[in-house]
Amino acid sequence: MLSANKEQRLFSRMQLNTIVILATTSERIQGTCINLSSEGVLMRVESGRCEPGQEWQLVLPSASDQVPPLMAMARVLRVEQSEEGDLVALYLDDVH
């Protein structure tokens, strides 16, 4: 049994505060990545830009020219409104 202080997730999350880009062939959104795990991302974007079920190409730029950006297909799981913009939870697939 996990203690009350331990996060009860299969994959731990890395706290970030960095730019992340969502794109389709016709649209591009830039937001802020709040946290990242091996299967998902939580990010903040401008209100009204994402809806559950949407599919995006996700790009998390690298801080170094020596390391390529993280790229993945991402599906919007949920969108929560906040004063600073929408919090968008994405499932990552085909990560490379």
PDB file of N, CA and C in Angstrom:
ATOM      1  N   MET A   1       0.833  -1.177   0.000  1.00  0.00           N
ATOM      2  CA  MET A   1       0.000   0.000   0.000  1.00  0.00           C
ATOM      3  C   MET A   1       0.878   1.242   0.000  1.00  0.00           C
ATOM      4  N   LEU A   2       0.526   2.233  -0.829  1.00  0.00           N
ATOM      5  CA  LEU A   2       1.283   3.469  -0.911  1.00  0.00           C
ATOM      6  C   LEU A   2       0.920   4.393   0.239  1.00  0.00           C
ATOM      7  N   SER A   3       1.914   5.113   0.733  1.00  0.00           N
ATOM      8  CA  SER A   3       1.623   6.084   1.787  1.00  0.00           C
ATOM      9  C   SER A   3       0.831   7.258   1.201  1.00  0.00           C
ATOM     10  N   ALA A   4       0.219   8.040   2.065  1.00  0.00           N
ATOM     11  CA  ALA A   4      -0.599   9.166   1.625  1.00  0.00           C
ATOM     12  C   ALA A   4       0.222  10.226   0.909  1.00  0.00           C
ATOM     13  N   ASN A   5       1.534  10.257   1.126  1.00  0.00           N
ATOM     14  CA  ASN A   5       2.385  11.270   0.513  1.00  0.00           C
ATOM     15  C   ASN A   5       2.854  10.890  -0.884  1.00  0.00           C
ATOM     16  N   LYS A   6       2.814   9.635  -1.231  1.00  0.00           N
ATOM     17  CA  LYS A   6       3.308   9.182  -2.534  1.00  0.00           C
ATOM     18  C   LYS A   6       2.266   9.386  -3.622  1.00  0.00           C
ATOM     19  N   GLU A   7       2.737   9.817  -4.796  1.00  0.00           N
ATOM     20  CA  GLU A   7       1.847   9.953  -5.938  1.00  0.00           C
ATOM     21  C   GLU A   7       1.468   8.555  -6.411  1.00  0.00           C
ATOM     22  N   GLN A   8       0.201   8.334  -6.680  1.00  0.00           N
ATOM     23  CA  GLN A   8      -0.278   7.002  -7.033  1.00  0.00           C
ATOM     24  C   GLN A   8      -0.437   6.870  -8.549  1.00  0.00           C
ATOM     25  N   ARG A   9       0.601   7.155  -9.268  1.00  0.00           N
ATOM     26  CA  ARG A   9       0.603   7.044 -10.719  1.00  0.00           C
ATOM     27  C   ARG A   9       1.602   5.977 -11.135  1.00  0.00           C
ATOM     28  N   LEU A  10       1.369   5.394 -12.309  1.00  0.00           N
ATOM     29  CA  LEU A  10       2.301   4.404 -12.827  1.00  0.00           C
ATOM     30  C   LEU A  10       3.609   5.046 -13.259  1.00  0.00           C
ATOM     31  N   PHE A  11       3.540   6.285 -13.760  1.00  0.00           N
ATOM     32  CA  PHE A  11       4.725   6.963 -14.260  1.00  0.00           C
ATOM     33  C   PHE A  11       4.899   8.285 -13.527  1.00  0.00           C
ATOM     34  N   SER A  12       6.112   8.540 -13.029  1.00  0.00           N
ATOM     35  CA  SER A  12       6.356   9.795 -12.330  1.00  0.00           C
ATOM     36  C   SER A  12       6.359  10.949 -13.332  1.00  0.00           C
ATOM     37  N   ARG A  13       6.093  12.140 -12.826  1.00  0.00           N
ATOM     38  CA  ARG A  13       6.024  13.323 -13.666  1.00  0.00           C
ATOM     39  C   ARG A  13       7.202  14.239 -13.382  1.00  0.00           C
ATOM     40  N   MET A  14       7.744  14.823 -14.452  1.00  0.00           N
ATOM     41  CA  MET A  14       8.830  15.770 -14.341  1.00  0.00           C
ATOM     42  C   MET A  14       8.220  17.172 -14.459  1.00  0.00           C
ATOM     43  N   GLN A  15       8.450  18.000 -13.443  1.00  0.00           N
ATOM     44  CA  GLN A  15       7.932  19.360 -13.467  1.00  0.00           C
ATOM     45  C   GLN A  15       8.772  20.200 -14.417  1.00  0.00           C
ATOM     46  N   LEU A  16       8.112  20.905 -15.321  1.00  0.00           N
ATOM     47  CA  LEU A  16       8.794  21.745 -16.304  1.00  0.00           C
ATOM     48  C   LEU A  16       8.106  23.098 -16.380  1.00  0.00           C
ATOM     49  N   ASN A  17       8.755  24.021 -16.993  1.00  0.00           N
ATOM     50  CA  ASN A  17       8.173  25.316 -17.315  1.00  0.00           C
ATOM     51  C   ASN A  17       8.835  25.753 -18.616  1.00  0.00           C
ATOM     52  N   THR A  18       8.416  25.124 -19.705  1.00  0.00           N
ATOM     53  CA  THR A  18       9.068  25.356 -20.980  1.00  0.00           C
ATOM     54  C   THR A  18       8.045  25.411 -22.103  1.00  0.00           C
ATOM     55  N   ILE A  19       8.441  25.942 -23.221  1.00  0.00           N
ATOM     56  CA  ILE A  19       7.571  26.064 -24.384  1.00  0.00           C
ATOM     57  C   ILE A  19       7.284  24.685 -24.971  1.00  0.00           C
ATOM     58  N   VAL A  20       6.044  24.482 -25.395  1.00  0.00           N
ATOM     59  CA  VAL A  20       5.658  23.284 -26.135  1.00  0.00           C
ATOM     60  C   VAL A  20       4.758  23.742 -27.277  1.00  0.00           C
ATOM     61  N   ILE A  21       4.860  23.070 -28.399  1.00  0.00           N
ATOM     62  CA  ILE A  21       4.104  23.449 -29.590  1.00  0.00           C
ATOM     63  C   ILE A  21       3.206  22.296 -30.003  1.00  0.00           C
ATOM     64  N   LEU A  22       1.942  22.618 -30.292  1.00  0.00           N
ATOM     65  CA  LEU A  22       1.005  21.664 -30.874  1.00  0.00           C
ATOM     66  C   LEU A  22       0.721  22.128 -32.288  1.00  0.00           C
ATOM     67  N   ALA A  23       0.681  21.186 -33.233  1.00  0.00           N
ATOM     68  CA  ALA A  23       0.462  21.571 -34.621  1.00  0.00           C
ATOM     69  C   ALA A  23      -0.333  20.518 -35.372  1.00  0.00           C
ATOM     70  N   THR A  24      -1.086  20.999 -36.362  1.00  0.00           N
ATOM     71  CA  THR A  24      -1.709  20.155 -37.374  1.00  0.00           C
ATOM     72  C   THR A  24      -1.271  20.744 -38.711  1.00  0.00           C
ATOM     73  N   THR A  25      -1.774  20.233 -39.785  1.00  0.00           N
ATOM     74  CA  THR A  25      -1.405  20.789 -41.085  1.00  0.00           C
ATOM     75  C   THR A  25      -1.944  22.201 -41.267  1.00  0.00           C
ATOM     76  N   SER A  26      -2.960  22.589 -40.493  1.00  0.00           N
ATOM     77  CA  SER A  26      -3.565  23.906 -40.686  1.00  0.00           C
ATOM     78  C   SER A  26      -3.497  24.824 -39.463  1.00  0.00           C
ATOM     79  N   GLU A  27      -2.978  24.353 -38.341  1.00  0.00           N
ATOM     80  CA  GLU A  27      -3.012  25.153 -37.118  1.00  0.00           C
ATOM     81  C   GLU A  27      -1.776  24.905 -36.275  1.00  0.00           C
ATOM     82  N   ARG A  28      -1.380  25.926 -35.530  1.00  0.00           N
ATOM     83  CA  ARG A  28      -0.224  25.826 -34.630  1.00  0.00           C
ATOM     84  C   ARG A  28      -0.551  26.581 -33.346  1.00  0.00           C
ATOM     85  N   ILE A  29      -0.286  25.923 -32.207  1.00  0.00           N
ATOM     86  CA  ILE A  29      -0.536  26.512 -30.892  1.00  0.00           C
ATOM     87  C   ILE A  29       0.754  26.424 -30.086  1.00  0.00           C
ATOM     88  N   GLN A  30       1.130  27.520 -29.449  1.00  0.00           N
ATOM     89  CA  GLN A  30       2.269  27.489 -28.540  1.00  0.00           C
ATOM     90  C   GLN A  30       1.739  27.635 -27.125  1.00  0.00           C
ATOM     91  N   GLY A  31       2.227  26.793 -26.218  1.00  0.00           N
ATOM     92  CA  GLY A  31       1.813  26.841 -24.830  1.00  0.00           C
ATOM     93  C   GLY A  31       2.988  26.580 -23.919  1.00  0.00           C
ATOM     94  N   THR A  32       2.683  26.376 -22.649  1.00  0.00           N
ATOM     95  CA  THR A  32       3.703  26.114 -21.649  1.00  0.00           C
ATOM     96  C   THR A  32       3.508  24.717 -21.076  1.00  0.00           C
ATOM     97  N   CYS A  33       4.547  23.910 -21.141  1.00  0.00           N
ATOM     98  CA  CYS A  33       4.518  22.574 -20.559  1.00  0.00           C
ATOM     99  C   CYS A  33       4.694  22.707 -19.054  1.00  0.00           C
ATOM    100  N   ILE A  34       3.744  22.170 -18.296  1.00  0.00           N
ATOM    101  CA  ILE A  34       3.797  22.217 -16.839  1.00  0.00           C
ATOM    102  C   ILE A  34       4.462  20.966 -16.291  1.00  0.00           C
ATOM    103  N   ASN A  35       4.052  19.805 -16.813  1.00  0.00           N
ATOM    104  CA  ASN A  35       4.736  18.576 -16.424  1.00  0.00           C
ATOM    105  C   ASN A  35       4.670  17.561 -17.544  1.00  0.00           C
ATOM    106  N   LEU A  36       5.582  16.592 -17.455  1.00  0.00           N
ATOM    107  CA  LEU A  36       5.776  15.603 -18.513  1.00  0.00           C
ATOM    108  C   LEU A  36       6.031  14.249 -17.872  1.00  0.00           C
ATOM    109  N   SER A  37       5.382  13.214 -18.407  1.00  0.00           N
ATOM    110  CA  SER A  37       5.679  11.840 -17.995  1.00  0.00           C
ATOM    111  C   SER A  37       5.924  11.041 -19.268  1.00  0.00           C
ATOM    112  N   SER A  38       6.184   9.767 -19.128  1.00  0.00           N
ATOM    113  CA  SER A  38       6.454   8.948 -20.314  1.00  0.00           C
ATOM    114  C   SER A  38       5.215   8.767 -21.183  1.00  0.00           C
ATOM    115  N   GLU A  39       4.035   9.007 -20.639  1.00  0.00           N
ATOM    116  CA  GLU A  39       2.811   8.823 -21.422  1.00  0.00           C
ATOM    117  C   GLU A  39       1.985  10.084 -21.604  1.00  0.00           C
ATOM    118  N   GLY A  40       2.385  11.201 -20.990  1.00  0.00           N
ATOM    119  CA  GLY A  40       1.532  12.366 -21.107  1.00  0.00           C
ATOM    120  C   GLY A  40       2.194  13.685 -20.784  1.00  0.00           C
ATOM    121  N   VAL A  41       1.452  14.741 -21.110  1.00  0.00           N
ATOM    122  CA  VAL A  41       1.883  16.119 -20.883  1.00  0.00           C
ATOM    123  C   VAL A  41       0.705  16.894 -20.318  1.00  0.00           C
ATOM    124  N   LEU A  42       1.001  17.770 -19.371  1.00  0.00           N
ATOM    125  CA  LEU A  42       0.033  18.758 -18.924  1.00  0.00           C
ATOM    126  C   LEU A  42       0.585  20.101 -19.336  1.00  0.00           C
ATOM    127  N   MET A  43      -0.218  20.858 -20.083  1.00  0.00           N
ATOM    128  CA  MET A  43       0.255  22.144 -20.569  1.00  0.00           C
ATOM    129  C   MET A  43      -0.821  23.207 -20.433  1.00  0.00           C
ATOM    130  N   ARG A  44      -0.384  24.458 -20.471  1.00  0.00           N
ATOM    131  CA  ARG A  44      -1.304  25.589 -20.427  1.00  0.00           C
ATOM    132  C   ARG A  44      -1.280  26.263 -21.799  1.00  0.00           C
ATOM    133  N   VAL A  45      -2.471  26.495 -22.355  1.00  0.00           N
ATOM    134  CA  VAL A  45      -2.600  27.160 -23.649  1.00  0.00           C
ATOM    135  C   VAL A  45      -3.664  28.249 -23.545  1.00  0.00           C
ATOM    136  N   GLU A  46      -3.714  29.080 -24.563  1.00  0.00           N
ATOM    137  CA  GLU A  46      -4.741  30.109 -24.653  1.00  0.00           C
ATOM    138  C   GLU A  46      -6.124  29.453 -24.623  1.00  0.00           C
ATOM    139  N   SER A  47      -7.050  30.067 -23.906  1.00  0.00           N
ATOM    140  CA  SER A  47      -8.399  29.502 -23.751  1.00  0.00           C
ATOM    141  C   SER A  47      -9.077  29.244 -25.090  1.00  0.00           C
ATOM    142  N   GLY A  48      -9.785  28.111 -25.155  1.00  0.00           N
ATOM    143  CA  GLY A  48     -10.593  27.777 -26.318  1.00  0.00           C
ATOM    144  C   GLY A  48      -9.855  27.186 -27.500  1.00  0.00           C
ATOM    145  N   ARG A  49      -8.590  26.842 -27.358  1.00  0.00           N
ATOM    146  CA  ARG A  49      -7.812  26.331 -28.490  1.00  0.00           C
ATOM    147  C   ARG A  49      -7.833  24.817 -28.623  1.00  0.00           C
ATOM    148  N   CYS A  50      -8.126  24.089 -27.537  1.00  0.00           N
ATOM    149  CA  CYS A  50      -8.105  22.623 -27.572  1.00  0.00           C
ATOM    150  C   CYS A  50      -9.421  22.053 -27.070  1.00  0.00           C
ATOM    151  N   GLU A  51      -9.766  20.883 -27.618  1.00  0.00           N
ATOM    152  CA  GLU A  51     -10.970  20.165 -27.201  1.00  0.00           C
ATOM    153  C   GLU A  51     -10.616  18.683 -27.020  1.00  0.00           C
ATOM    154  N   PRO A  52     -11.273  18.018 -26.075  1.00  0.00           N
ATOM    155  CA  PRO A  52     -11.023  16.587 -25.888  1.00  0.00           C
ATOM    156  C   PRO A  52     -11.221  15.811 -27.194  1.00  0.00           C
ATOM    157  N   GLY A  53     -10.310  14.877 -27.438  1.00  0.00           N
ATOM    158  CA  GLY A  53     -10.380  14.047 -28.633  1.00  0.00           C
ATOM    159  C   GLY A  53      -9.536  14.549 -29.789  1.00  0.00           C
ATOM    160  N   GLN A  54      -9.116  15.799 -29.773  1.00  0.00           N
ATOM    161  CA  GLN A  54      -8.291  16.323 -30.862  1.00  0.00           C
ATOM    162  C   GLN A  54      -6.939  15.606 -30.908  1.00  0.00           C
ATOM    163  N   GLU A  55      -6.405  15.460 -32.116  1.00  0.00           N
ATOM    164  CA  GLU A  55      -5.086  14.867 -32.334  1.00  0.00           C
ATOM    165  C   GLU A  55      -4.135  15.966 -32.808  1.00  0.00           C
ATOM    166  N   TRP A  56      -2.942  16.022 -32.215  1.00  0.00           N
ATOM    167  CA  TRP A  56      -1.937  17.031 -32.540  1.00  0.00           C
ATOM    168  C   TRP A  56      -0.576  16.378 -32.700  1.00  0.00           C
ATOM    169  N   GLN A  57       0.296  17.039 -33.439  1.00  0.00           N
ATOM    170  CA  GLN A  57       1.723  16.724 -33.418  1.00  0.00           C
ATOM    171  C   GLN A  57       2.306  17.604 -32.321  1.00  0.00           C
ATOM    172  N   LEU A  58       2.972  17.024 -31.341  1.00  0.00           N
ATOM    173  CA  LEU A  58       3.557  17.773 -30.238  1.00  0.00           C
ATOM    174  C   LEU A  58       5.053  17.891 -30.451  1.00  0.00           C
ATOM    175  N   VAL A  59       5.592  19.087 -30.231  1.00  0.00           N
ATOM    176  CA  VAL A  59       7.034  19.322 -30.303  1.00  0.00           C
ATOM    177  C   VAL A  59       7.457  20.033 -29.027  1.00  0.00           C
ATOM    178  N   LEU A  60       8.378  19.415 -28.302  1.00  0.00           N
ATOM    179  CA  LEU A  60       8.970  20.017 -27.113  1.00  0.00           C
ATOM    180  C   LEU A  60      10.411  20.348 -27.481  1.00  0.00           C
ATOM    181  N   PRO A  61      10.690  21.630 -27.796  1.00  0.00           N
ATOM    182  CA  PRO A  61      12.042  21.994 -28.239  1.00  0.00           C
ATOM    183  C   PRO A  61      13.095  21.661 -27.190  1.00  0.00           C
ATOM    184  N   SER A  62      14.289  21.384 -27.657  1.00  0.00           N
ATOM    185  CA  SER A  62      15.410  21.073 -26.781  1.00  0.00           C
ATOM    186  C   SER A  62      16.125  22.357 -26.377  1.00  0.00           C
ATOM    187  N   ALA A  63      16.702  22.354 -25.192  1.00  0.00           N
ATOM    188  CA  ALA A  63      17.476  23.503 -24.723  1.00  0.00           C
ATOM    189  C   ALA A  63      18.884  23.508 -25.321  1.00  0.00           C
ATOM    190  N   SER A  64      19.239  22.441 -26.005  1.00  0.00           N
ATOM    191  CA  SER A  64      20.591  22.295 -26.547  1.00  0.00           C
ATOM    192  C   SER A  64      20.534  21.907 -28.015  1.00  0.00           C
ATOM    193  N   ASP A  65      21.458  22.436 -28.794  1.00  0.00           N
ATOM    194  CA  ASP A  65      21.569  22.046 -30.203  1.00  0.00           C
ATOM    195  C   ASP A  65      22.043  20.602 -30.344  1.00  0.00           C
ATOM    196  N   GLN A  66      22.628  20.061 -29.291  1.00  0.00           N
ATOM    197  CA  GLN A  66      23.165  18.705 -29.305  1.00  0.00           C
ATOM    198  C   GLN A  66      22.088  17.638 -29.125  1.00  0.00           C
ATOM    199  N   VAL A  67      20.908  18.049 -28.636  1.00  0.00           N
ATOM    200  CA  VAL A  67      19.824  17.110 -28.348  1.00  0.00           C
ATOM    201  C   VAL A  67      18.616  17.460 -29.214  1.00  0.00           C
ATOM    202  N   PRO A  68      18.070  16.494 -29.954  1.00  0.00           N
ATOM    203  CA  PRO A  68      16.907  16.797 -30.804  1.00  0.00           C
ATOM    204  C   PRO A  68      15.664  17.060 -29.954  1.00  0.00           C
ATOM    205  N   PRO A  69      14.692  17.772 -30.506  1.00  0.00           N
ATOM    206  CA  PRO A  69      13.454  18.024 -29.767  1.00  0.00           C
ATOM    207  C   PRO A  69      12.671  16.726 -29.566  1.00  0.00           C
ATOM    208  N   LEU A  70      11.858  16.694 -28.517  1.00  0.00           N
ATOM    209  CA  LEU A  70      10.938  15.581 -28.299  1.00  0.00           C
ATOM    210  C   LEU A  70       9.755  15.790 -29.226  1.00  0.00           C
ATOM    211  N   MET A  71       9.403  14.765 -29.986  1.00  0.00           N
ATOM    212  CA  MET A  71       8.265  14.847 -30.887  1.00  0.00           C
ATOM    213  C   MET A  71       7.363  13.642 -30.639  1.00  0.00           C
ATOM    214  N   ALA A  72       6.044  13.864 -30.727  1.00  0.00           N
ATOM    215  CA  ALA A  72       5.092  12.783 -30.484  1.00  0.00           C
ATOM    216  C   ALA A  72       3.743  13.150 -31.075  1.00  0.00           C
ATOM    217  N   MET A  73       2.928  12.146 -31.290  1.00  0.00           N
ATOM    218  CA  MET A  73       1.521  12.379 -31.581  1.00  0.00           C
ATOM    219  C   MET A  73       0.834  12.507 -30.225  1.00  0.00           C
ATOM    220  N   ALA A  74      -0.079  13.462 -30.103  1.00  0.00           N
ATOM    221  CA  ALA A  74      -0.724  13.722 -28.815  1.00  0.00           C
ATOM    222  C   ALA A  74      -2.234  13.818 -29.001  1.00  0.00           C
ATOM    223  N   ARG A  75      -2.968  13.201 -28.073  1.00  0.00           N
ATOM    224  CA  ARG A  75      -4.436  13.255 -28.091  1.00  0.00           C
ATOM    225  C   ARG A  75      -4.903  13.973 -26.837  1.00  0.00           C
ATOM    226  N   VAL A  76      -5.790  14.949 -26.990  1.00  0.00           N
ATOM    227  CA  VAL A  76      -6.309  15.711 -25.856  1.00  0.00           C
ATOM    228  C   VAL A  76      -7.251  14.818 -25.053  1.00  0.00           C
ATOM    229  N   LEU A  77      -6.926  14.637 -23.763  1.00  0.00           N
ATOM    230  CA  LEU A  77      -7.761  13.844 -22.869  1.00  0.00           C
ATOM    231  C   LEU A  77      -8.788  14.715 -22.151  1.00  0.00           C
ATOM    232  N   ARG A  78      -8.332  15.866 -21.649  1.00  0.00           N
ATOM    233  CA  ARG A  78      -9.249  16.766 -20.951  1.00  0.00           C
ATOM    234  C   ARG A  78      -8.735  18.195 -21.025  1.00  0.00           C
ATOM    235  N   VAL A  79      -9.672  19.129 -20.868  1.00  0.00           N
ATOM    236  CA  VAL A  79      -9.363  20.553 -20.867  1.00  0.00           C
ATOM    237  C   VAL A  79     -10.049  21.169 -19.657  1.00  0.00           C
ATOM    238  N   GLU A  80      -9.283  21.859 -18.831  1.00  0.00           N
ATOM    239  CA  GLU A  80      -9.822  22.536 -17.656  1.00  0.00           C
ATOM    240  C   GLU A  80      -9.543  24.025 -17.791  1.00  0.00           C
ATOM    241  N   GLN A  81     -10.583  24.836 -17.643  1.00  0.00           N
ATOM    242  CA  GLN A  81     -10.431  26.280 -17.747  1.00  0.00           C
ATOM    243  C   GLN A  81      -9.833  26.845 -16.468  1.00  0.00           C
ATOM    244  N   SER A  82      -8.960  27.837 -16.641  1.00  0.00           N
ATOM    245  CA  SER A  82      -8.401  28.565 -15.505  1.00  0.00           C
ATOM    246  C   SER A  82      -8.247  30.027 -15.910  1.00  0.00           C
ATOM    247  N   GLU A  83      -7.927  30.868 -14.957  1.00  0.00           N
ATOM    248  CA  GLU A  83      -7.787  32.301 -15.242  1.00  0.00           C
ATOM    249  C   GLU A  83      -6.618  32.587 -16.176  1.00  0.00           C
ATOM    250  N   GLU A  84      -5.566  31.775 -16.119  1.00  0.00           N
ATOM    251  CA  GLU A  84      -4.372  31.996 -16.941  1.00  0.00           C
ATOM    252  C   GLU A  84      -4.439  31.321 -18.307  1.00  0.00           C
ATOM    253  N   GLY A  85      -5.529  30.644 -18.616  1.00  0.00           N
ATOM    254  CA  GLY A  85      -5.665  29.893 -19.861  1.00  0.00           C
ATOM    255  C   GLY A  85      -6.133  28.492 -19.541  1.00  0.00           C
ATOM    256  N   ASP A  86      -6.287  27.661 -20.564  1.00  0.00           N
ATOM    257  CA  ASP A  86      -6.761  26.295 -20.358  1.00  0.00           C
ATOM    258  C   ASP A  86      -5.614  25.367 -19.973  1.00  0.00           C
ATOM    259  N   LEU A  87      -5.886  24.472 -19.021  1.00  0.00           N
ATOM    260  CA  LEU A  87      -4.966  23.386 -18.707  1.00  0.00           C
ATOM    261  C   LEU A  87      -5.380  22.199 -19.564  1.00  0.00           C
ATOM    262  N   VAL A  88      -4.455  21.709 -20.364  1.00  0.00           N
ATOM    263  CA  VAL A  88      -4.744  20.646 -21.321  1.00  0.00           C
ATOM    264  C   VAL A  88      -3.908  19.417 -20.989  1.00  0.00           C
ATOM    265  N   ALA A  89      -4.580  18.287 -20.758  1.00  0.00           N
ATOM    266  CA  ALA A  89      -3.908  17.020 -20.510  1.00  0.00           C
ATOM    267  C   ALA A  89      -3.896  16.234 -21.822  1.00  0.00           C
ATOM    268  N   LEU A  90      -2.708  15.787 -22.220  1.00  0.00           N
ATOM    269  CA  LEU A  90      -2.523  15.089 -23.487  1.00  0.00           C
ATOM    270  C   LEU A  90      -1.900  13.716 -23.250  1.00  0.00           C
ATOM    271  N   TYR A  91      -2.393  12.723 -23.998  1.00  0.00           N
ATOM    272  CA  TYR A  91      -1.793  11.387 -24.021  1.00  0.00           C
ATOM    273  C   TYR A  91      -0.795  11.356 -25.168  1.00  0.00           C
ATOM    274  N   LEU A  92       0.414  10.875 -24.920  1.00  0.00           N
ATOM    275  CA  LEU A  92       1.449  10.824 -25.954  1.00  0.00           C
ATOM    276  C   LEU A  92       1.531   9.437 -26.568  1.00  0.00           C
ATOM    277  N   ASP A  93       1.636   9.421 -27.886  1.00  0.00           N
ATOM    278  CA  ASP A  93       1.783   8.183 -28.644  1.00  0.00           C
ATOM    279  C   ASP A  93       2.854   8.421 -29.698  1.00  0.00           C
ATOM    280  N   ASP A  94       3.518   7.388 -30.122  1.00  0.00           N
ATOM    281  CA  ASP A  94       4.539   7.474 -31.168  1.00  0.00           C
ATOM    282  C   ASP A  94       5.590   8.532 -30.816  1.00  0.00           C
ATOM    283  N   VAL A  95       6.156   8.410 -29.625  1.00  0.00           N
ATOM    284  CA  VAL A  95       7.157   9.367 -29.132  1.00  0.00           C
ATOM    285  C   VAL A  95       8.495   9.099 -29.812  1.00  0.00           C
ATOM    286  N   HIS A  96       9.132  10.168 -30.285  1.00  0.00           N
ATOM    287  CA  HIS A  96      10.484  10.036 -30.851  1.00  0.00           C
ATOM    288  C   HIS A  96      11.224  11.353 -30.731  1.00  0.00           C
TER     289      HIS A  96
END
